[in-house]
Amino acid sequence: MKLLKQTKILLIGASTGGPSEIEKIVKSLPLLQNTIVIIAQHMPAPFLENFAKSLQQKTLNPLSCIDEQIKLKKGKIYLCKKSMTLDTENFEFKETSNKGFYNPDIEILFGSFIPLANEYEMMIVILTGIGEDGSKAALSLSKEGVRVLTEEAENCIVDGMPSAVRRVVPNAEAYSLKKIIEEIGKFCV
């Protein structure tokens, strides 16, 4: 079952230094109507549940910390508690048997959205973090016309993940967190 064409999907990936930045983004989100927000923050699963509770107190949008099969709905924020993939036929998350190095694995999660790149308006945001998680999926999605934003080096807590994306995605846009929040706001309306 596919959602309506006007549905927008925002994918956010972060690691070291990400929780405070994700909090700022979630706090700034308008009331979501046609947008689905999916967040992959590298963090041990037990801590993600508490992080989700904290985030829910800072937004009017419903937020779910997911670690099991769940159908995606417009107007919601999803925080992945473990590595998940999207079943594109049923538009629902499912736990993946493919375990990456990170929890949750941004590469695996974002990569599962590639088949939908031409069906939905999407945007990827890669925030602070060590490593290169998400860069391959960002490249594949950008080749399908998905807009890719990263934090700029000079304003990033840890520029590993953002710089990895900027190296491989020729049209990646690098901004300050403030400007990323503005761009997210425009995307979500």
Protein backbone atom coordinates (compact mmCIF):
# COMPACT_ATOMS: atom_id res chain seq x y z
CA MET A 1 0.00 0.00 0.00
CA LYS A 2 1.64 3.23 -1.12
CA LEU A 3 1.04 6.61 0.47
CA LEU A 4 -0.20 9.55 -1.53
CA LYS A 5 2.23 11.16 -3.96
CA GLN A 6 2.47 14.40 -1.97
CA THR A 7 4.09 12.58 0.95
CA LYS A 8 7.58 13.85 1.78
CA ILE A 9 10.28 11.79 3.49
CA LEU A 10 13.06 13.38 5.54
CA LEU A 11 15.96 11.09 6.50
CA ILE A 12 18.33 12.32 9.23
CA GLY A 13 21.54 10.52 10.21
CA ALA A 14 23.87 11.45 13.07
CA SER A 15 26.51 10.03 15.36
CA THR A 16 28.93 11.66 17.82
CA GLY A 17 27.55 15.07 18.85
CA GLY A 18 24.20 14.37 17.20
CA PRO A 19 21.70 14.21 20.09
CA SER A 20 21.78 17.95 20.85
CA GLU A 21 21.54 18.78 17.15
CA ILE A 22 18.66 16.37 16.58
CA GLU A 23 16.92 17.91 19.58
CA LYS A 24 17.22 21.37 17.98
CA ILE A 25 15.84 20.05 14.69
CA VAL A 26 12.92 18.19 16.30
CA LYS A 27 12.08 21.25 18.44
CA SER A 28 11.97 23.45 15.34
CA LEU A 29 9.77 21.19 13.19
CA PRO A 30 6.43 22.61 12.16
CA LEU A 31 3.34 20.52 12.75
CA LEU A 32 3.90 17.79 10.20
CA GLN A 33 1.12 17.14 7.72
CA ASN A 34 2.48 15.25 4.71
CA THR A 35 6.02 14.64 5.95
CA ILE A 36 7.52 11.55 7.55
CA VAL A 37 10.72 12.15 9.52
CA ILE A 38 13.06 9.19 10.09
CA ILE A 39 16.05 9.60 12.40
CA ALA A 40 19.03 7.27 12.77
CA GLN A 41 21.20 8.39 15.69
CA HIS A 42 24.15 6.14 16.56
CA MET A 43 23.52 5.18 20.16
CA PRO A 44 23.11 1.96 22.15
CA ALA A 45 19.49 0.78 21.96
CA PRO A 46 18.74 1.16 25.71
CA PHE A 47 19.62 4.87 25.58
CA LEU A 48 17.58 5.54 22.44
CA GLU A 49 14.31 4.85 24.28
CA ASN A 50 15.06 7.60 26.82
CA PHE A 51 16.26 9.89 24.04
CA ALA A 52 12.91 9.37 22.26
CA LYS A 53 10.98 10.26 25.44
CA SER A 54 13.03 13.43 25.82
CA LEU A 55 12.46 14.38 22.16
CA GLN A 56 8.71 13.77 22.44
CA GLN A 57 8.52 16.40 25.18
CA LYS A 58 10.01 18.96 22.80
CA THR A 59 7.65 18.55 19.84
CA LEU A 60 3.95 18.60 19.06
CA ASN A 61 4.49 15.89 16.46
CA PRO A 62 4.01 12.25 17.49
CA LEU A 63 7.35 10.47 17.86
CA SER A 64 7.94 6.72 18.02
CA CYS A 65 11.10 4.87 18.97
CA ILE A 66 10.93 1.82 16.72
CA ASP A 67 12.57 -1.56 16.87
CA GLU A 68 9.90 -3.72 15.29
CA GLN A 69 7.70 -3.92 12.23
CA ILE A 70 5.60 -0.77 11.91
CA LYS A 71 3.73 0.88 9.05
CA LEU A 72 4.88 4.43 8.30
CA LYS A 73 2.33 7.22 8.64
CA LYS A 74 2.44 10.84 7.49
CA GLY A 75 2.90 13.46 10.17
CA LYS A 76 5.10 11.31 12.42
CA ILE A 77 8.71 11.21 13.57
CA TYR A 78 10.41 7.82 13.83
CA LEU A 79 13.61 7.27 15.81
CA CYS A 80 15.22 3.94 14.95
CA LYS A 81 16.26 1.93 17.99
CA LYS A 82 18.13 -0.65 15.90
CA SER A 83 19.07 -1.26 12.28
CA MET A 84 15.89 -1.29 10.21
CA THR A 85 14.98 -1.45 6.54
CA LEU A 86 11.92 -0.31 4.69
CA ASP A 87 9.66 -2.85 3.04
CA THR A 88 8.79 -0.66 0.05
CA GLU A 89 5.81 -2.80 -0.98
CA ASN A 90 3.98 -2.37 2.32
CA PHE A 91 5.62 0.92 3.35
CA GLU A 92 6.59 -0.46 6.72
CA PHE A 93 9.79 -0.83 8.71
CA LYS A 94 11.15 -4.21 9.54
CA GLU A 95 14.20 -5.29 11.49
CA THR A 96 17.01 -6.34 9.21
CA SER A 97 19.13 -9.43 9.60
CA ASN A 98 21.93 -7.51 7.88
CA LYS A 99 23.82 -6.03 10.83
CA GLY A 100 26.22 -3.21 10.15
CA PHE A 101 28.91 -1.83 12.43
CA TYR A 102 26.71 0.97 13.80
CA ASN A 103 23.44 0.98 15.72
CA PRO A 104 21.32 1.92 13.93
CA ASP A 105 23.13 1.54 10.63
CA ILE A 106 22.41 4.62 8.48
CA GLU A 107 23.76 2.97 5.33
CA ILE A 108 21.29 0.07 5.62
CA LEU A 109 18.33 2.25 6.60
CA PHE A 110 18.80 4.99 3.99
CA GLY A 111 19.73 2.45 1.31
CA SER A 112 16.34 0.79 1.72
CA PHE A 113 14.69 4.03 0.50
CA ILE A 114 16.45 4.00 -2.89
CA PRO A 115 13.53 2.23 -4.66
CA LEU A 116 11.21 5.07 -3.55
CA ALA A 117 13.43 7.94 -4.71
CA ASN A 118 11.36 8.58 -7.81
CA GLU A 119 8.00 8.15 -6.07
CA TYR A 120 8.32 10.54 -3.13
CA GLU A 121 9.95 13.89 -2.48
CA MET A 122 12.88 13.12 -0.20
CA MET A 123 15.67 14.93 1.53
CA ILE A 124 18.67 13.51 3.45
CA VAL A 125 20.48 15.32 6.24
CA ILE A 126 23.81 13.99 7.52
CA LEU A 127 24.88 15.58 10.79
CA THR A 128 27.98 15.33 12.94
CA GLY A 129 29.66 11.97 13.46
CA ILE A 130 32.74 9.79 13.23
CA GLY A 131 33.14 7.52 10.22
CA GLU A 132 31.45 7.31 6.85
CA ASP A 133 28.07 5.77 7.69
CA GLY A 134 25.42 6.84 5.19
CA SER A 135 27.74 8.12 2.45
CA LYS A 136 27.09 5.30 -0.05
CA ALA A 137 23.32 5.51 0.38
CA ALA A 138 23.49 9.32 0.10
CA LEU A 139 25.36 8.96 -3.20
CA SER A 140 22.83 6.46 -4.58
CA LEU A 141 19.87 8.59 -3.50
CA SER A 142 21.44 11.78 -4.89
CA LYS A 143 21.83 10.05 -8.27
CA GLU A 144 18.04 9.54 -8.13
CA GLY A 145 17.48 13.26 -7.56
CA VAL A 146 17.22 13.30 -3.76
CA ARG A 147 18.54 16.48 -2.13
CA VAL A 148 21.47 15.82 0.26
CA LEU A 149 22.43 18.25 3.05
CA THR A 150 25.40 17.99 5.40
CA GLU A 151 26.80 20.15 8.12
CA GLU A 152 29.66 22.34 6.98
CA ALA A 153 33.09 21.46 8.38
CA GLU A 154 33.68 24.69 10.28
CA ASN A 155 30.44 24.39 12.29
CA CYS A 156 30.36 20.62 12.80
CA ILE A 157 31.20 18.93 16.11
CA VAL A 158 32.81 15.94 14.32
CA ASP A 159 33.15 16.25 10.55
CA GLY A 160 33.64 12.55 9.72
CA MET A 161 30.24 11.57 8.33
CA PRO A 162 29.46 14.96 6.73
CA SER A 163 32.88 15.16 5.04
CA ALA A 164 32.53 11.57 3.76
CA VAL A 165 29.23 12.53 2.13
CA ARG A 166 30.66 15.76 0.69
CA ARG A 167 33.57 13.75 -0.82
CA VAL A 168 31.33 11.30 -2.68
CA VAL A 169 28.18 13.32 -3.42
CA PRO A 170 29.12 16.07 -5.89
CA ASN A 171 25.94 18.10 -5.32
CA ALA A 172 25.81 17.77 -1.50
CA GLU A 173 24.91 21.07 0.14
CA ALA A 174 26.95 22.03 3.24
CA TYR A 175 25.33 24.40 5.73
CA SER A 176 25.42 25.47 9.35
CA LEU A 177 22.93 23.72 11.63
CA LYS A 178 20.84 26.91 11.71
CA LYS A 179 20.58 26.92 7.90
CA ILE A 180 19.84 23.15 7.86
CA ILE A 181 16.96 23.78 10.26
CA GLU A 182 15.64 26.51 7.92
CA GLU A 183 15.88 24.17 4.91
CA ILE A 184 14.11 21.39 6.82
CA GLY A 185 11.33 23.82 7.76
CA LYS A 186 10.84 24.76 4.09
CA PHE A 187 10.87 21.11 3.06
CA CYS A 188 8.27 20.04 5.63
CA VAL A 189 5.55 22.53 4.58
